[in-house]
Amino acid sequence: MPEGPMREYAIAAIILVFAATMLVSLFGVRVVRSTSDFYVASRRVSPRMNASALVSEYISAASFLGVAGLIVAEGTYGLWFPLGYTVSCLTMLLFMTGPLRRSGAYTVPDFVSLRFSSSRLRVATVIIVVLTGWMYIVPQLHGAALALTTTTGLPAWTGPAAVILVVLATVLPGGMRSVTIAQAIQYWIKLCALLIPLIFILLQTNTLGGPGLPGWDASVWHDGTGTSPADFYRIVSLLLALMLGTIGLPHVLVRFYTNPDGDAARRTTFLLLGLLSGFYILPVALGVISRAVFAEGS
């Protein structure tokens, strides 16, 4: 359990992020004037702002915390996860962004109903969206519990409770406009949260002329992954699951309804690819360093 100044700094940082989010929600209350404002920010979100918000949604606990941990635990196999997450955005660009925005729908079930004129298919889509959202939010709440407990020593339930309260306070008054601004800001917060520690770690390694860390023996990566047909099928199935799974995430798809037109939606995805690729360099680097250090200490 963290003690002393570290615990106080962690709590202060969390409070600061919460306060910034609440200020954004208050701004959203002032600008929401219609149903279109609440659901899709009147379809006036710029590609740059939307791409930042999309990446922030995309790099949830699974990416922010999980990628580095997977590399530490799995070695080279863990490197396929950020690759699959990033390539899946190309799948969205090719097959989803343009048709979704041109449809004029507000939600994925609306899009399916307009495209296929089937009430049964609409109901089925609603069920799938709810189940997908539930399976997605539960791990995020668990990640919030782990993060808050590890950094502050507070009870595990406070993490999910705080996340739920902040999300409700942001979404209910200001709708999509508040959510977009808050998530765009959070992308840069998450980026700095990994970039700053990585810089200090690299200063202690030979990478930036530091004294060096132990464990840089290349043998720590010789885990045999990918050397058999079973490993090959495992990697291919993982990439397919990540690519196809991403285009079914409702909170990602609804972002493209906020762009002014189909061209803006495609530009958003191009920017998304750049921002996401830049972000994933950080957890990959942290995972590689951590695996080397843990391998030396084992």
Protein backbone atom coordinates (compact mmCIF):
# COMPACT_ATOMS: atom_id res chain seq x y z
CA MET A 1 0.00 0.00 0.00
CA PRO A 2 1.47 3.41 -0.95
CA GLU A 3 2.35 5.64 1.97
CA GLY A 4 3.30 9.22 2.67
CA PRO A 5 3.70 11.78 -0.14
CA MET A 6 3.18 9.26 -2.97
CA ARG A 7 -0.30 8.43 -1.74
CA GLU A 8 -1.12 12.11 -1.36
CA TYR A 9 0.18 12.92 -4.84
CA ALA A 10 -1.91 10.12 -6.35
CA ILE A 11 -5.09 11.31 -4.63
CA ALA A 12 -4.39 14.92 -5.66
CA ALA A 13 -3.87 13.88 -9.30
CA ILE A 14 -7.14 11.91 -9.32
CA ILE A 15 -9.05 14.83 -7.82
CA LEU A 16 -7.52 17.17 -10.42
CA VAL A 17 -8.63 14.96 -13.31
CA PHE A 18 -12.12 14.64 -11.82
CA ALA A 19 -12.36 18.41 -11.38
CA ALA A 20 -11.33 19.03 -14.99
CA THR A 21 -13.94 16.55 -16.16
CA MET A 22 -16.65 18.24 -14.12
CA LEU A 23 -15.73 21.64 -15.55
CA VAL A 24 -16.11 20.22 -19.05
CA SER A 25 -19.54 18.85 -18.17
CA LEU A 26 -20.62 22.29 -16.95
CA PHE A 27 -19.56 23.71 -20.31
CA GLY A 28 -21.61 21.04 -22.05
CA VAL A 29 -24.73 22.07 -20.13
CA ARG A 30 -24.42 25.58 -21.55
CA VAL A 31 -24.21 24.52 -25.19
CA VAL A 32 -26.76 21.67 -25.34
CA ARG A 33 -29.88 23.01 -27.01
CA SER A 34 -31.43 20.09 -28.88
CA THR A 35 -31.63 16.32 -29.20
CA SER A 36 -28.96 16.45 -31.90
CA ASP A 37 -26.68 18.36 -29.51
CA PHE A 38 -27.13 15.73 -26.81
CA TYR A 39 -26.72 12.59 -28.93
CA VAL A 40 -24.24 13.58 -31.67
CA ALA A 41 -22.99 17.09 -30.73
CA SER A 42 -25.01 18.46 -33.67
CA ARG A 43 -22.62 16.56 -35.98
CA ARG A 44 -20.08 19.39 -35.76
CA VAL A 45 -17.11 17.68 -34.14
CA SER A 46 -13.90 18.26 -36.09
CA PRO A 47 -11.80 15.26 -37.20
CA ARG A 48 -8.92 16.32 -34.91
CA MET A 49 -11.11 16.56 -31.81
CA ASN A 50 -13.00 13.39 -32.68
CA ALA A 51 -9.81 11.41 -33.29
CA SER A 52 -8.44 12.41 -29.88
CA ALA A 53 -11.72 11.43 -28.22
CA LEU A 54 -11.83 8.15 -30.13
CA VAL A 55 -8.33 7.19 -29.08
CA SER A 56 -9.16 8.07 -25.48
CA GLU A 57 -12.16 5.73 -25.62
CA TYR A 58 -10.10 3.07 -27.32
CA ILE A 59 -7.14 3.08 -24.91
CA SER A 60 -9.10 1.97 -21.89
CA ALA A 61 -7.73 -0.19 -19.08
CA ALA A 62 -6.99 -3.01 -21.54
CA SER A 63 -4.56 -0.81 -23.45
CA PHE A 64 -3.37 1.58 -20.76
CA LEU A 65 -2.58 -1.14 -18.23
CA GLY A 66 -2.93 -4.45 -20.06
CA VAL A 67 -0.57 -4.22 -23.03
CA ALA A 68 2.55 -3.73 -20.93
CA GLY A 69 1.42 -6.53 -18.58
CA LEU A 70 0.78 -8.90 -21.48
CA ILE A 71 4.27 -8.28 -22.85
CA VAL A 72 5.76 -8.96 -19.42
CA ALA A 73 3.73 -12.16 -19.01
CA GLU A 74 3.70 -13.49 -22.59
CA GLY A 75 6.82 -12.11 -24.22
CA THR A 76 6.66 -11.71 -27.99
CA TYR A 77 3.05 -12.92 -28.11
CA GLY A 78 2.01 -9.85 -26.13
CA LEU A 79 3.34 -7.62 -28.92
CA TRP A 80 0.54 -8.79 -31.24
CA PHE A 81 -2.14 -7.12 -29.12
CA PRO A 82 -1.24 -3.46 -29.85
CA LEU A 83 -0.68 -4.42 -33.49
CA GLY A 84 -4.17 -5.94 -33.70
CA TYR A 85 -5.75 -2.97 -31.94
CA THR A 86 -4.16 -0.56 -34.40
CA VAL A 87 -4.82 -2.56 -37.57
CA SER A 88 -8.48 -2.89 -36.56
CA CYS A 89 -8.82 0.87 -37.08
CA LEU A 90 -7.94 0.30 -40.73
CA THR A 91 -10.83 -2.19 -40.88
CA MET A 92 -13.15 0.51 -39.56
CA LEU A 93 -11.86 2.95 -42.15
CA LEU A 94 -12.47 0.56 -45.04
CA PHE A 95 -15.86 -0.83 -44.08
CA MET A 96 -17.61 1.26 -41.41
CA THR A 97 -16.87 4.98 -41.18
CA GLY A 98 -18.33 6.21 -44.48
CA PRO A 99 -21.58 4.16 -44.46
CA LEU A 100 -22.28 4.94 -40.80
CA ARG A 101 -21.96 8.69 -41.25
CA ARG A 102 -23.86 8.81 -44.54
CA SER A 103 -26.78 6.92 -43.00
CA GLY A 104 -27.82 9.85 -40.79
CA ALA A 105 -28.66 7.43 -37.95
CA TYR A 106 -28.06 8.14 -34.27
CA THR A 107 -27.20 4.60 -33.11
CA VAL A 108 -26.05 1.27 -34.48
CA PRO A 109 -29.58 -0.26 -34.18
CA ASP A 110 -30.91 2.76 -36.10
CA PHE A 111 -28.35 2.12 -38.82
CA VAL A 112 -29.27 -1.56 -39.08
CA SER A 113 -32.97 -0.71 -39.20
CA LEU A 114 -32.46 1.83 -42.00
CA ARG A 115 -30.20 -0.48 -43.97
CA PHE A 116 -32.24 -3.70 -43.76
CA SER A 117 -35.78 -2.53 -42.82
CA SER A 118 -36.19 -5.32 -40.28
CA SER A 119 -37.61 -4.80 -36.79
CA ARG A 120 -36.37 -8.21 -35.65
CA LEU A 121 -32.86 -7.42 -36.76
CA ARG A 122 -33.09 -4.12 -34.93
CA VAL A 123 -34.06 -5.87 -31.70
CA ALA A 124 -31.25 -8.37 -32.15
CA THR A 125 -28.79 -5.52 -32.69
CA VAL A 126 -30.00 -3.79 -29.51
CA ILE A 127 -29.37 -6.98 -27.53
CA ILE A 128 -25.91 -7.40 -29.05
CA VAL A 129 -25.02 -3.75 -28.33
CA VAL A 130 -26.13 -4.03 -24.69
CA LEU A 131 -24.22 -7.29 -24.18
CA THR A 132 -21.12 -5.89 -25.86
CA GLY A 133 -21.28 -2.76 -23.72
CA TRP A 134 -21.71 -4.84 -20.56
CA MET A 135 -18.77 -7.11 -21.37
CA TYR A 136 -16.68 -4.02 -22.08
CA ILE A 137 -17.59 -1.96 -19.02
CA VAL A 138 -17.09 -4.69 -16.40
CA PRO A 139 -13.33 -5.06 -17.07
CA GLN A 140 -12.99 -1.26 -17.13
CA LEU A 141 -14.56 -0.97 -13.68
CA HIS A 142 -12.25 -3.74 -12.46
CA GLY A 143 -9.31 -1.83 -13.91
CA ALA A 144 -10.45 1.31 -12.07
CA ALA A 145 -10.59 -0.67 -8.83
CA LEU A 146 -7.06 -2.03 -9.33
CA ALA A 147 -5.63 1.34 -10.31
CA LEU A 148 -7.14 3.23 -7.37
CA THR A 149 -6.25 0.54 -4.84
CA THR A 150 -2.67 0.29 -6.09
CA THR A 151 -2.00 4.03 -6.20
CA THR A 152 -3.92 5.23 -3.14
CA GLY A 153 -4.66 2.20 -0.95
CA LEU A 154 -8.38 3.04 -0.93
CA PRO A 155 -10.97 0.22 -0.90
CA ALA A 156 -11.54 -1.44 -4.28
CA TRP A 157 -15.19 -0.33 -4.53
CA THR A 158 -14.20 3.35 -4.59
CA GLY A 159 -12.69 3.03 -8.09
CA PRO A 160 -15.85 1.84 -9.90
CA ALA A 161 -18.02 4.16 -7.77
CA ALA A 162 -15.92 7.18 -8.69
CA VAL A 163 -15.91 6.27 -12.39
CA ILE A 164 -19.68 5.79 -12.49
CA LEU A 165 -20.34 9.09 -10.71
CA VAL A 166 -18.03 11.06 -12.98
CA VAL A 167 -19.40 9.47 -16.16
CA LEU A 168 -23.00 10.16 -15.14
CA ALA A 169 -22.14 13.73 -14.17
CA THR A 170 -20.51 14.25 -17.56
CA VAL A 171 -23.01 12.49 -19.83
CA LEU A 172 -26.39 13.38 -18.36
CA PRO A 173 -26.08 17.19 -18.34
CA GLY A 174 -23.89 17.78 -21.41
CA GLY A 175 -24.36 14.74 -23.62
CA MET A 176 -21.99 13.92 -26.46
CA ARG A 177 -20.40 17.36 -26.60
CA SER A 178 -19.21 17.16 -22.99
CA VAL A 179 -18.08 13.57 -23.47
CA THR A 180 -16.10 14.49 -26.59
CA ILE A 181 -14.21 17.35 -24.96
CA ALA A 182 -13.53 15.37 -21.78
CA GLN A 183 -12.22 12.35 -23.69
CA ALA A 184 -10.06 14.46 -26.00
CA ILE A 185 -8.41 16.02 -22.94
CA GLN A 186 -8.02 12.62 -21.29
CA TYR A 187 -6.11 11.27 -24.28
CA TRP A 188 -3.30 13.73 -23.67
CA ILE A 189 -3.44 13.04 -19.92
CA LYS A 190 -3.04 9.30 -20.59
CA LEU A 191 -0.26 9.96 -23.05
CA CYS A 192 1.68 12.02 -20.51
CA ALA A 193 0.96 9.48 -17.78
CA LEU A 194 2.98 6.90 -19.73
CA LEU A 195 5.42 9.18 -21.53
CA ILE A 196 6.82 10.95 -18.45
CA PRO A 197 7.63 7.74 -16.51
CA LEU A 198 9.10 6.20 -19.67
CA ILE A 199 11.45 9.17 -20.13
CA PHE A 200 12.75 8.83 -16.57
CA ILE A 201 13.14 5.06 -17.00
CA LEU A 202 15.08 5.53 -20.24
CA LEU A 203 17.32 8.04 -18.49
CA GLN A 204 18.42 5.15 -16.27
CA THR A 205 19.24 2.89 -19.21
CA ASN A 206 21.88 2.88 -21.88
CA THR A 207 19.21 4.12 -24.31
CA LEU A 208 19.70 7.75 -23.29
CA GLY A 209 23.19 7.46 -21.90
CA GLY A 210 22.22 6.41 -18.38
CA PRO A 211 23.91 3.87 -16.16
CA GLY A 212 21.86 1.02 -17.55
CA LEU A 213 19.37 -1.49 -16.21
CA PRO A 214 19.99 -5.22 -15.83
CA GLY A 215 18.32 -7.89 -17.87
CA TRP A 216 18.88 -6.82 -21.48
CA ASP A 217 19.86 -10.32 -22.53
CA ALA A 218 17.97 -11.14 -25.74
CA SER A 219 17.33 -14.64 -24.42
CA VAL A 220 14.40 -13.34 -22.37
CA TRP A 221 12.48 -13.10 -25.67
CA HIS A 222 13.31 -16.61 -26.90
CA ASP A 223 10.05 -18.08 -25.66
CA GLY A 224 9.34 -20.15 -28.77
CA THR A 225 6.22 -18.19 -29.73
CA GLY A 226 5.38 -18.46 -33.40
CA THR A 227 7.61 -21.43 -34.13
CA SER A 228 4.86 -24.03 -34.51
CA PRO A 229 1.62 -24.24 -36.55
CA ALA A 230 -0.41 -23.98 -33.34
CA ASP A 231 1.34 -20.71 -32.45
CA PHE A 232 0.72 -19.38 -35.95
CA TYR A 233 -3.02 -20.12 -35.77
CA ARG A 234 -3.12 -18.60 -32.29
CA ILE A 235 -1.64 -15.35 -33.58
CA VAL A 236 -3.88 -15.21 -36.67
CA SER A 237 -7.02 -15.89 -34.63
CA LEU A 238 -6.01 -13.16 -32.16
CA LEU A 239 -5.54 -10.59 -34.92
CA LEU A 240 -8.86 -11.51 -36.54
CA ALA A 241 -10.66 -11.30 -33.20
CA LEU A 242 -9.21 -7.85 -32.49
CA MET A 243 -9.88 -6.55 -36.01
CA LEU A 244 -13.47 -7.78 -36.21
CA GLY A 245 -14.23 -7.11 -32.56
CA THR A 246 -13.35 -3.44 -32.81
CA ILE A 247 -15.90 -2.73 -35.52
CA GLY A 248 -18.58 -4.04 -33.17
CA LEU A 249 -17.81 -1.74 -30.23
CA PRO A 250 -20.86 0.57 -30.00
CA HIS A 251 -19.12 3.37 -28.10
CA VAL A 252 -16.50 3.55 -30.87
CA LEU A 253 -18.96 3.38 -33.76
CA VAL A 254 -21.23 6.11 -32.37
CA ARG A 255 -18.30 8.54 -32.56
CA PHE A 256 -18.57 8.65 -36.36
CA TYR A 257 -22.10 10.04 -36.12
CA THR A 258 -20.66 13.25 -34.69
CA ASN A 259 -18.63 14.12 -37.80
CA PRO A 260 -20.11 16.60 -40.28
CA ASP A 261 -19.93 14.16 -43.22
CA GLY A 262 -18.46 10.93 -44.49
CA ASP A 263 -15.19 12.56 -45.60
CA ALA A 264 -14.70 13.99 -42.11
CA ALA A 265 -15.32 10.52 -40.66
CA ARG A 266 -12.61 9.04 -42.87
CA ARG A 267 -10.19 11.85 -41.93
CA THR A 268 -10.98 11.12 -38.30
CA THR A 269 -9.91 7.50 -38.78
CA PHE A 270 -6.65 8.51 -40.49
CA LEU A 271 -5.82 10.78 -37.55
CA LEU A 272 -6.92 8.02 -35.20
CA LEU A 273 -4.37 5.65 -36.73
CA GLY A 274 -1.58 8.15 -36.15
CA LEU A 275 -2.52 9.01 -32.56
CA LEU A 276 -3.09 5.38 -31.65
CA SER A 277 0.19 4.21 -33.16
CA GLY A 278 2.04 6.92 -31.28
CA PHE A 279 0.39 5.96 -28.01
CA TYR A 280 1.05 2.22 -28.30
CA ILE A 281 4.79 2.83 -28.54
CA LEU A 282 4.71 3.77 -24.85
CA PRO A 283 3.12 0.66 -23.24
CA VAL A 284 5.14 -1.55 -25.58
CA ALA A 285 8.37 0.12 -24.47
CA LEU A 286 7.35 -0.14 -20.80
CA GLY A 287 6.48 -3.81 -21.29
CA VAL A 288 9.79 -4.61 -22.97
CA ILE A 289 11.78 -2.90 -20.21
CA SER A 290 9.72 -4.53 -17.47
CA ARG A 291 10.11 -8.02 -18.95
CA ALA A 292 13.85 -7.57 -19.14
CA VAL A 293 14.06 -6.38 -15.54
CA PHE A 294 11.74 -9.07 -14.16
CA ALA A 295 13.59 -11.75 -16.10
CA GLU A 296 16.84 -10.64 -14.48
CA GLY A 297 15.32 -10.74 -11.01
CA SER A 298 13.67 -14.14 -11.40
